[in-house]
Amino acid sequence: MSSADTVFAEELDNLIARYKIRIQQYRIHARELSRDPPQQRHAKAQLAAVLASLAKLQDLRKHFT
């Protein structure tokens, strides 16, 4: 792996780690909205979008191993 690839892989690792933290925050937020179904649905939709993005990043990261 070239040095540019190594740097890119490290950046992807950092981004993936930040996404995992954000996912935990979205889960907490969605649970806190249990008394407000419309907002909870919105929070769950945001969580689903972040999870999909994380999956794409992890798939991309596989190309650098």
N, C-alpha and C. Protein backbone atom coordinates (compact mmCIF):
# COMPACT_ATOMS: atom_id res chain seq x y z
N MET A 1 0.85 -1.17 0.00
CA MET A 1 0.00 0.00 0.00
C MET A 1 0.90 1.23 0.00
N SER A 2 0.59 2.19 -0.85
CA SER A 2 1.38 3.41 -0.93
C SER A 2 1.11 4.31 0.28
N SER A 3 1.96 5.30 0.44
CA SER A 3 1.77 6.20 1.59
C SER A 3 0.47 6.98 1.46
N ALA A 4 0.08 7.33 0.25
CA ALA A 4 -1.19 8.04 0.05
C ALA A 4 -2.36 7.13 0.45
N ASP A 5 -2.27 5.86 0.10
CA ASP A 5 -3.31 4.91 0.47
C ASP A 5 -3.37 4.73 1.99
N THR A 6 -2.21 4.72 2.61
CA THR A 6 -2.15 4.57 4.07
C THR A 6 -2.81 5.77 4.74
N VAL A 7 -2.51 6.95 4.26
CA VAL A 7 -3.10 8.17 4.82
C VAL A 7 -4.62 8.14 4.62
N PHE A 8 -5.06 7.77 3.43
CA PHE A 8 -6.49 7.71 3.16
C PHE A 8 -7.17 6.68 4.05
N ALA A 9 -6.53 5.52 4.24
CA ALA A 9 -7.09 4.48 5.10
C ALA A 9 -7.20 4.98 6.54
N GLU A 10 -6.21 5.70 7.01
CA GLU A 10 -6.25 6.25 8.37
C GLU A 10 -7.37 7.27 8.51
N GLU A 11 -7.55 8.09 7.48
CA GLU A 11 -8.64 9.07 7.51
C GLU A 11 -10.00 8.37 7.53
N LEU A 12 -10.12 7.31 6.76
CA LEU A 12 -11.36 6.53 6.77
C LEU A 12 -11.60 5.94 8.15
N ASP A 13 -10.55 5.42 8.78
CA ASP A 13 -10.69 4.86 10.13
C ASP A 13 -11.19 5.93 11.10
N ASN A 14 -10.63 7.13 11.01
CA ASN A 14 -11.07 8.22 11.88
C ASN A 14 -12.52 8.59 11.62
N LEU A 15 -12.89 8.66 10.37
CA LEU A 15 -14.27 9.00 10.01
C LEU A 15 -15.24 7.92 10.49
N ILE A 16 -14.86 6.68 10.34
CA ILE A 16 -15.70 5.57 10.81
C ILE A 16 -15.89 5.65 12.32
N ALA A 17 -14.82 5.95 13.03
CA ALA A 17 -14.92 6.08 14.49
C ALA A 17 -15.87 7.20 14.88
N ARG A 18 -15.80 8.33 14.17
CA ARG A 18 -16.71 9.44 14.46
C ARG A 18 -18.15 9.06 14.16
N TYR A 19 -18.38 8.32 13.08
CA TYR A 19 -19.73 7.87 12.75
C TYR A 19 -20.28 6.96 13.83
N LYS A 20 -19.44 6.08 14.37
CA LYS A 20 -19.90 5.18 15.43
C LYS A 20 -20.34 5.96 16.66
N ILE A 21 -19.62 7.02 16.99
CA ILE A 21 -20.01 7.87 18.12
C ILE A 21 -21.34 8.56 17.80
N ARG A 22 -21.45 9.08 16.59
CA ARG A 22 -22.69 9.75 16.19
C ARG A 22 -23.88 8.79 16.25
N ILE A 23 -23.67 7.56 15.86
CA ILE A 23 -24.75 6.56 15.89
C ILE A 23 -25.23 6.36 17.33
N GLN A 24 -24.31 6.29 18.27
CA GLN A 24 -24.70 6.15 19.67
C GLN A 24 -25.53 7.36 20.11
N GLN A 25 -25.13 8.54 19.68
CA GLN A 25 -25.87 9.75 20.03
C GLN A 25 -27.27 9.74 19.43
N TYR A 26 -27.40 9.30 18.18
CA TYR A 26 -28.71 9.22 17.54
C TYR A 26 -29.60 8.21 18.26
N ARG A 27 -29.03 7.09 18.69
CA ARG A 27 -29.82 6.09 19.41
C ARG A 27 -30.35 6.65 20.72
N ILE A 28 -29.51 7.35 21.45
CA ILE A 28 -29.94 7.97 22.70
C ILE A 28 -31.04 8.98 22.43
N HIS A 29 -30.83 9.80 21.41
CA HIS A 29 -31.82 10.83 21.06
C HIS A 29 -33.16 10.19 20.69
N ALA A 30 -33.14 9.14 19.90
CA ALA A 30 -34.38 8.48 19.48
C ALA A 30 -35.12 7.90 20.68
N ARG A 31 -34.38 7.32 21.62
CA ARG A 31 -35.02 6.78 22.83
C ARG A 31 -35.66 7.89 23.66
N GLU A 32 -34.99 9.03 23.73
CA GLU A 32 -35.52 10.15 24.52
C GLU A 32 -36.80 10.72 23.93
N LEU A 33 -37.03 10.47 22.66
CA LEU A 33 -38.22 11.00 21.98
C LEU A 33 -39.39 10.02 21.98
N SER A 34 -39.37 9.05 22.86
CA SER A 34 -40.41 8.01 22.84
C SER A 34 -41.81 8.58 23.07
N ARG A 35 -41.92 9.73 23.69
CA ARG A 35 -43.25 10.33 23.93
C ARG A 35 -43.73 11.18 22.76
N ASP A 36 -42.89 11.36 21.78
CA ASP A 36 -43.26 12.18 20.62
C ASP A 36 -43.02 11.36 19.35
N PRO A 37 -44.00 10.54 18.97
CA PRO A 37 -43.82 9.62 17.83
C PRO A 37 -43.34 10.27 16.53
N PRO A 38 -43.86 11.43 16.10
CA PRO A 38 -43.36 12.00 14.85
C PRO A 38 -41.86 12.34 14.91
N GLN A 39 -41.44 12.92 16.01
CA GLN A 39 -40.03 13.25 16.14
C GLN A 39 -39.18 11.99 16.28
N GLN A 40 -39.73 10.98 16.94
CA GLN A 40 -38.98 9.74 17.08
C GLN A 40 -38.80 9.07 15.71
N ARG A 41 -39.83 9.11 14.87
CA ARG A 41 -39.71 8.55 13.51
C ARG A 41 -38.63 9.30 12.74
N HIS A 42 -38.61 10.61 12.89
CA HIS A 42 -37.59 11.41 12.21
C HIS A 42 -36.19 11.04 12.70
N ALA A 43 -36.04 10.89 14.00
CA ALA A 43 -34.74 10.52 14.58
C ALA A 43 -34.32 9.14 14.10
N LYS A 44 -35.27 8.22 14.01
CA LYS A 44 -34.94 6.88 13.52
C LYS A 44 -34.56 6.91 12.04
N ALA A 45 -35.18 7.77 11.27
CA ALA A 45 -34.82 7.91 9.85
C ALA A 45 -33.40 8.46 9.73
N GLN A 46 -33.06 9.42 10.57
CA GLN A 46 -31.69 9.95 10.57
C GLN A 46 -30.71 8.86 10.95
N LEU A 47 -31.05 8.07 11.94
CA LEU A 47 -30.20 6.97 12.37
C LEU A 47 -29.99 5.97 11.23
N ALA A 48 -31.05 5.66 10.52
CA ALA A 48 -30.93 4.72 9.39
C ALA A 48 -30.01 5.27 8.31
N ALA A 49 -30.10 6.57 8.05
CA ALA A 49 -29.23 7.19 7.05
C ALA A 49 -27.77 7.15 7.49
N VAL A 50 -27.52 7.39 8.75
CA VAL A 50 -26.15 7.37 9.26
C VAL A 50 -25.61 5.94 9.22
N LEU A 51 -26.45 4.96 9.55
CA LEU A 51 -26.02 3.56 9.49
C LEU A 51 -25.68 3.15 8.06
N ALA A 52 -26.47 3.61 7.10
CA ALA A 52 -26.20 3.31 5.70
C ALA A 52 -24.88 3.94 5.26
N SER A 53 -24.63 5.16 5.70
CA SER A 53 -23.38 5.84 5.37
C SER A 53 -22.20 5.11 5.99
N LEU A 54 -22.36 4.67 7.22
CA LEU A 54 -21.29 3.92 7.88
C LEU A 54 -20.98 2.64 7.12
N ALA A 55 -22.00 1.95 6.67
CA ALA A 55 -21.79 0.71 5.91
C ALA A 55 -21.00 0.99 4.63
N LYS A 56 -21.30 2.08 3.97
CA LYS A 56 -20.57 2.44 2.75
C LYS A 56 -19.11 2.75 3.06
N LEU A 57 -18.88 3.48 4.15
CA LEU A 57 -17.51 3.79 4.54
C LEU A 57 -16.73 2.53 4.89
N GLN A 58 -17.37 1.62 5.61
CA GLN A 58 -16.70 0.37 5.96
C GLN A 58 -16.41 -0.47 4.73
N ASP A 59 -17.31 -0.46 3.77
CA ASP A 59 -17.07 -1.18 2.52
C ASP A 59 -15.89 -0.58 1.76
N LEU A 60 -15.84 0.74 1.71
CA LEU A 60 -14.73 1.42 1.06
C LEU A 60 -13.42 1.11 1.77
N ARG A 61 -13.46 1.06 3.09
CA ARG A 61 -12.26 0.81 3.87
C ARG A 61 -11.69 -0.58 3.59
N LYS A 62 -12.53 -1.54 3.26
CA LYS A 62 -12.09 -2.91 2.97
C LYS A 62 -11.13 -2.94 1.79
N HIS A 63 -11.21 -1.97 0.92
CA HIS A 63 -10.34 -1.93 -0.25
C HIS A 63 -8.91 -1.55 0.09
N PHE A 64 -8.68 -1.12 1.33
CA PHE A 64 -7.36 -0.67 1.74
C PHE A 64 -6.70 -1.62 2.72
N THR A 65 -7.17 -2.86 2.78
CA THR A 65 -6.54 -3.82 3.69
C THR A 65 -5.73 -4.83 2.93
